């Protein structure tokens, strides 16, 4: 997994981000960027494209090209807005790092995601990756395995497929209940924190092996060391 180089800080605070179909993005601070409007307008554009294609005229073809450009511009602007808000969320909470899940196998992990969802996930990561450094925030990716099935409660960490039912997460061991995407966002932050700490401790050049990496959550921070390891760590 990629872990950022030392920025000179004795410690770091990370904002975890989960991407999904119901909510395009959810932060470990509990902020949700819902996908309802995005889905609605993508369906509307698709409907209009279908109507124009049925006409089959030259005028309809030209109108189809214009519609395609309008749709692309709208989608890009929509994701730019979310990216700006996401970076602002990190800055407002004094985060040094924004951690996303690795998007390499996103289609396999989210079989219900449509093409416009996958497009949105990749663009959002791309936009945040160049916007965040302008604000002094680095952007990283972590291995996503089991971040959706693991309990993010500090003293638990129990991982089981039965913990998640759609948008709802309820730990089968400790009973902790919360939104499933919010739970995953916290786990993504924790995974980065653990990777960062492991890297510092294994580096012969590091004189700050015990420098804390905190995960910014709603109402405070979590420390990666206080969690059970996730599978894959």
Protein backbone atom coordinates (compact mmCIF):
# COMPACT_ATOMS: atom_id res chain seq x y z
CA UNK A 1 0.00 0.00 0.00
CA UNK A 2 1.13 3.54 -0.69
CA UNK A 3 1.81 5.59 2.42
CA UNK A 4 2.83 9.24 2.26
CA UNK A 5 6.35 10.42 2.97
CA UNK A 6 6.94 12.26 6.22
CA UNK A 7 5.68 15.84 5.92
CA UNK A 8 7.76 17.03 8.85
CA UNK A 9 4.88 16.78 11.33
CA UNK A 10 5.55 14.82 14.51
CA UNK A 11 2.05 13.45 14.14
CA UNK A 12 -0.68 13.33 11.52
CA UNK A 13 -4.44 13.46 11.39
CA UNK A 14 -6.23 11.59 8.61
CA UNK A 15 -9.71 11.95 7.12
CA UNK A 16 -11.06 8.61 5.87
CA UNK A 17 -13.36 8.61 2.82
CA UNK A 18 -15.69 5.82 1.70
CA UNK A 19 -17.17 5.88 -1.81
CA UNK A 20 -20.46 4.21 -2.64
CA UNK A 21 -23.69 4.10 -4.64
CA UNK A 22 -26.15 5.41 -2.03
CA UNK A 23 -23.79 8.16 -0.90
CA UNK A 24 -21.13 9.12 -3.42
CA UNK A 25 -18.78 9.91 -0.53
CA UNK A 26 -18.86 9.67 3.26
CA UNK A 27 -16.15 11.02 5.55
CA UNK A 28 -14.93 9.64 8.86
CA UNK A 29 -16.25 12.87 10.40
CA UNK A 30 -19.78 11.78 9.47
CA UNK A 31 -20.37 14.09 6.50
CA UNK A 32 -22.41 12.55 3.68
CA UNK A 33 -22.37 13.59 0.03
CA UNK A 34 -25.56 11.95 -1.22
CA UNK A 35 -25.85 10.64 -4.76
CA UNK A 36 -29.59 11.22 -5.26
CA UNK A 37 -29.32 14.34 -7.44
CA UNK A 38 -26.44 12.85 -9.38
CA UNK A 39 -28.39 9.65 -10.09
CA UNK A 40 -31.53 11.60 -11.02
CA UNK A 41 -29.83 13.78 -13.61
CA UNK A 42 -27.79 10.92 -15.05
CA UNK A 43 -31.09 9.07 -15.61
CA UNK A 44 -32.63 12.19 -17.17
CA UNK A 45 -29.73 12.60 -19.59
CA UNK A 46 -29.96 8.90 -20.46
CA UNK A 47 -33.69 9.22 -21.11
CA UNK A 48 -33.17 12.21 -23.42
CA UNK A 49 -30.38 10.40 -25.28
CA UNK A 50 -32.71 7.46 -25.88
CA UNK A 51 -35.46 9.73 -27.25
CA UNK A 52 -33.07 11.46 -29.66
CA UNK A 53 -31.55 8.19 -30.85
CA UNK A 54 -35.02 6.91 -31.73
CA UNK A 55 -35.64 9.84 -34.07
CA UNK A 56 -32.62 8.97 -36.18
CA UNK A 57 -32.55 12.32 -38.01
CA UNK A 58 -29.50 14.45 -38.71
CA UNK A 59 -30.91 17.19 -36.50
CA UNK A 60 -31.39 14.68 -33.70
CA UNK A 61 -27.81 13.50 -34.14
CA UNK A 62 -26.49 17.05 -33.75
CA UNK A 63 -28.72 17.58 -30.73
CA UNK A 64 -27.36 14.33 -29.28
CA UNK A 65 -23.79 15.59 -29.59
CA UNK A 66 -24.73 18.85 -27.87
CA UNK A 67 -26.48 16.93 -25.11
CA UNK A 68 -23.41 14.75 -24.61
CA UNK A 69 -21.20 17.82 -24.10
CA UNK A 70 -23.72 19.35 -21.69
CA UNK A 71 -23.91 16.13 -19.69
CA UNK A 72 -20.14 15.77 -19.45
CA UNK A 73 -19.74 19.40 -18.34
CA UNK A 74 -22.51 18.99 -15.75
CA UNK A 75 -21.03 15.77 -14.32
CA UNK A 76 -17.55 17.28 -14.07
CA UNK A 77 -18.88 20.38 -12.30
CA UNK A 78 -20.92 18.25 -9.90
CA UNK A 79 -17.87 16.20 -8.89
CA UNK A 80 -15.66 19.30 -8.69
CA UNK A 81 -18.11 20.74 -6.15
CA UNK A 82 -17.95 17.59 -4.00
CA UNK A 83 -14.15 17.53 -4.29
CA UNK A 84 -13.92 21.14 -3.09
CA UNK A 85 -16.22 20.43 -0.15
CA UNK A 86 -14.27 17.29 0.74
CA UNK A 87 -10.96 19.17 0.80
CA UNK A 88 -12.60 21.90 2.90
CA UNK A 89 -13.77 19.22 5.33
CA UNK A 90 -10.18 18.05 5.74
CA UNK A 91 -8.85 21.58 6.22
CA UNK A 92 -11.56 22.54 8.72
CA UNK A 93 -10.71 19.48 10.83
CA UNK A 94 -6.93 20.09 10.64
CA UNK A 95 -6.27 16.89 8.68
CA UNK A 96 -2.88 16.33 7.03
CA UNK A 97 -4.05 13.37 4.94
CA UNK A 98 -7.18 12.27 3.07
CA UNK A 99 -7.35 8.48 2.72
CA UNK A 100 -9.41 6.76 0.01
CA UNK A 101 -9.80 3.07 -0.67
CA UNK A 102 -7.86 1.72 -3.64
CA UNK A 103 -10.19 1.97 -6.65
CA UNK A 104 -8.49 -0.70 -8.78
CA UNK A 105 -11.22 -3.34 -8.28
CA UNK A 106 -14.13 -0.98 -7.63
CA UNK A 107 -16.36 -2.62 -10.28
CA UNK A 108 -15.97 -6.04 -8.67
CA UNK A 109 -16.52 -4.72 -5.15
CA UNK A 110 -19.59 -2.67 -6.11
CA UNK A 111 -21.44 -4.82 -8.66
CA UNK A 112 -24.55 -2.62 -8.43
CA UNK A 113 -22.62 0.52 -9.36
CA UNK A 114 -23.47 1.88 -12.81
CA UNK A 115 -20.89 3.31 -15.19
CA UNK A 116 -21.61 6.86 -14.05
CA UNK A 117 -20.89 5.86 -10.43
CA UNK A 118 -17.51 4.35 -11.32
CA UNK A 119 -16.74 7.44 -13.43
CA UNK A 120 -17.64 9.65 -10.45
CA UNK A 121 -15.43 7.70 -8.02
CA UNK A 122 -12.40 7.93 -10.29
CA UNK A 123 -12.94 11.64 -11.07
CA UNK A 124 -13.49 12.48 -7.40
CA UNK A 125 -10.20 10.86 -6.43
CA UNK A 126 -8.47 12.60 -9.35
CA UNK A 127 -9.85 16.04 -8.48
CA UNK A 128 -9.14 15.73 -4.75
CA UNK A 129 -5.61 14.50 -5.55
CA UNK A 130 -4.69 17.81 -7.16
CA UNK A 131 -6.87 20.14 -5.07
CA UNK A 132 -5.83 18.87 -1.62
CA UNK A 133 -2.03 19.43 -1.93
CA UNK A 134 -2.75 23.09 -2.70
CA UNK A 135 -4.10 23.25 0.87
CA UNK A 136 -1.20 21.29 2.35
CA UNK A 137 -3.14 18.01 2.52
CA UNK A 138 -1.80 14.80 0.97
CA UNK A 139 -4.02 12.14 -0.62
CA UNK A 140 -3.44 8.41 -0.16
CA UNK A 141 -5.10 5.09 -1.00
CA UNK A 142 -5.36 1.99 1.17
CA UNK A 143 -6.30 -1.65 0.65
CA UNK A 144 -10.12 -1.83 0.99
CA UNK A 145 -10.48 -5.48 2.09
CA UNK A 146 -13.05 -5.90 4.90
CA UNK A 147 -13.40 -2.18 5.61
CA UNK A 148 -17.16 -2.63 5.08
CA UNK A 149 -17.49 -5.74 7.29
CA UNK A 150 -15.34 -4.65 10.24
CA UNK A 151 -16.67 -2.96 13.37
CA UNK A 152 -15.06 0.48 13.74
CA UNK A 153 -15.77 0.69 17.46
CA UNK A 154 -12.49 1.37 19.26
CA UNK A 155 -12.58 -1.61 21.62
CA UNK A 156 -14.00 -4.14 19.15
CA UNK A 157 -12.85 -4.55 15.54
CA UNK A 158 -14.91 -7.73 14.96
CA UNK A 159 -15.10 -8.57 11.25
CA UNK A 160 -17.98 -10.58 9.80
CA UNK A 161 -20.02 -10.54 6.57
CA UNK A 162 -23.21 -10.49 8.65
CA UNK A 163 -22.28 -7.16 10.25
CA UNK A 164 -23.45 -5.21 7.21
CA UNK A 165 -26.97 -5.29 5.81
CA UNK A 166 -27.27 -2.76 3.00
CA UNK A 167 -26.89 0.75 4.42
CA UNK A 168 -27.06 -0.48 8.02
CA UNK A 169 -24.15 -1.80 10.07
CA UNK A 170 -24.69 -3.73 13.29
CA UNK A 171 -21.77 -5.58 14.86
CA UNK A 172 -22.70 -9.20 15.58
CA UNK A 173 -20.31 -9.20 18.53
CA UNK A 174 -20.69 -5.89 20.41
CA UNK A 175 -23.99 -4.61 18.95
CA UNK A 176 -22.52 -1.30 17.70
CA UNK A 177 -24.94 0.25 15.17
CA UNK A 178 -24.33 3.01 12.64
CA UNK A 179 -24.55 3.82 8.95
CA UNK A 180 -22.52 1.25 7.00
CA UNK A 181 -20.72 3.80 4.81
CA UNK A 182 -19.75 5.90 7.83
CA UNK A 183 -18.40 2.76 9.51
CA UNK A 184 -16.32 2.00 6.39
CA UNK A 185 -14.98 5.57 6.23
CA UNK A 186 -13.69 5.28 9.79
CA UNK A 187 -12.05 1.94 8.98
CA UNK A 188 -10.34 3.42 5.92
CA UNK A 189 -8.88 6.13 8.13
CA UNK A 190 -7.76 3.55 10.70
CA UNK A 191 -6.11 1.43 8.01
CA UNK A 192 -4.08 4.40 6.81
CA UNK A 193 -3.13 5.26 10.41
CA UNK A 194 -1.85 1.74 11.04
CA UNK A 195 0.11 1.63 7.77
CA UNK A 196 1.67 4.97 8.57
CA UNK A 197 2.70 3.89 12.07
CA UNK A 198 4.08 0.58 10.84
CA UNK A 199 6.13 2.37 8.19
CA UNK A 200 7.57 4.85 10.71
CA UNK A 201 8.53 2.07 13.11
CA UNK A 202 10.21 0.00 10.42
CA UNK A 203 12.17 2.90 8.91
CA UNK A 204 15.82 3.09 10.03
CA UNK A 205 15.76 6.84 9.27
CA UNK A 206 12.77 7.54 11.48
CA UNK A 207 13.39 9.03 14.87
CA UNK A 208 9.67 9.34 15.59
CA UNK A 209 8.58 5.72 15.49
CA UNK A 210 5.84 6.29 18.02
CA UNK A 211 4.45 9.46 16.44
CA UNK A 212 0.67 9.16 16.62
CA UNK A 213 -1.60 9.12 13.60
CA UNK A 214 -5.12 10.12 14.55
CA UNK A 215 -8.28 9.45 12.56
CA UNK A 216 -10.63 12.41 12.54
CA UNK A 217 -14.18 11.34 13.44
CA UNK A 218 -17.38 13.07 14.46
CA UNK A 219 -16.65 14.64 17.83
CA UNK A 220 -12.95 13.85 18.13
CA UNK A 221 -10.21 11.49 16.97
CA UNK A 222 -9.36 7.81 17.05
CA UNK A 223 -5.82 6.53 17.26
CA UNK A 224 -4.90 3.73 14.86
CA UNK A 225 -3.06 1.83 17.58
CA UNK A 226 -6.18 1.36 19.71
CA UNK A 227 -7.89 -0.76 17.05
CA UNK A 228 -7.76 -4.42 16.24
CA UNK A 229 -5.79 -4.96 13.00
CA UNK A 230 -7.88 -5.25 9.85
CA UNK A 231 -7.39 -8.29 7.65
CA UNK A 232 -4.73 -7.29 5.16
CA UNK A 233 -2.78 -5.06 7.58
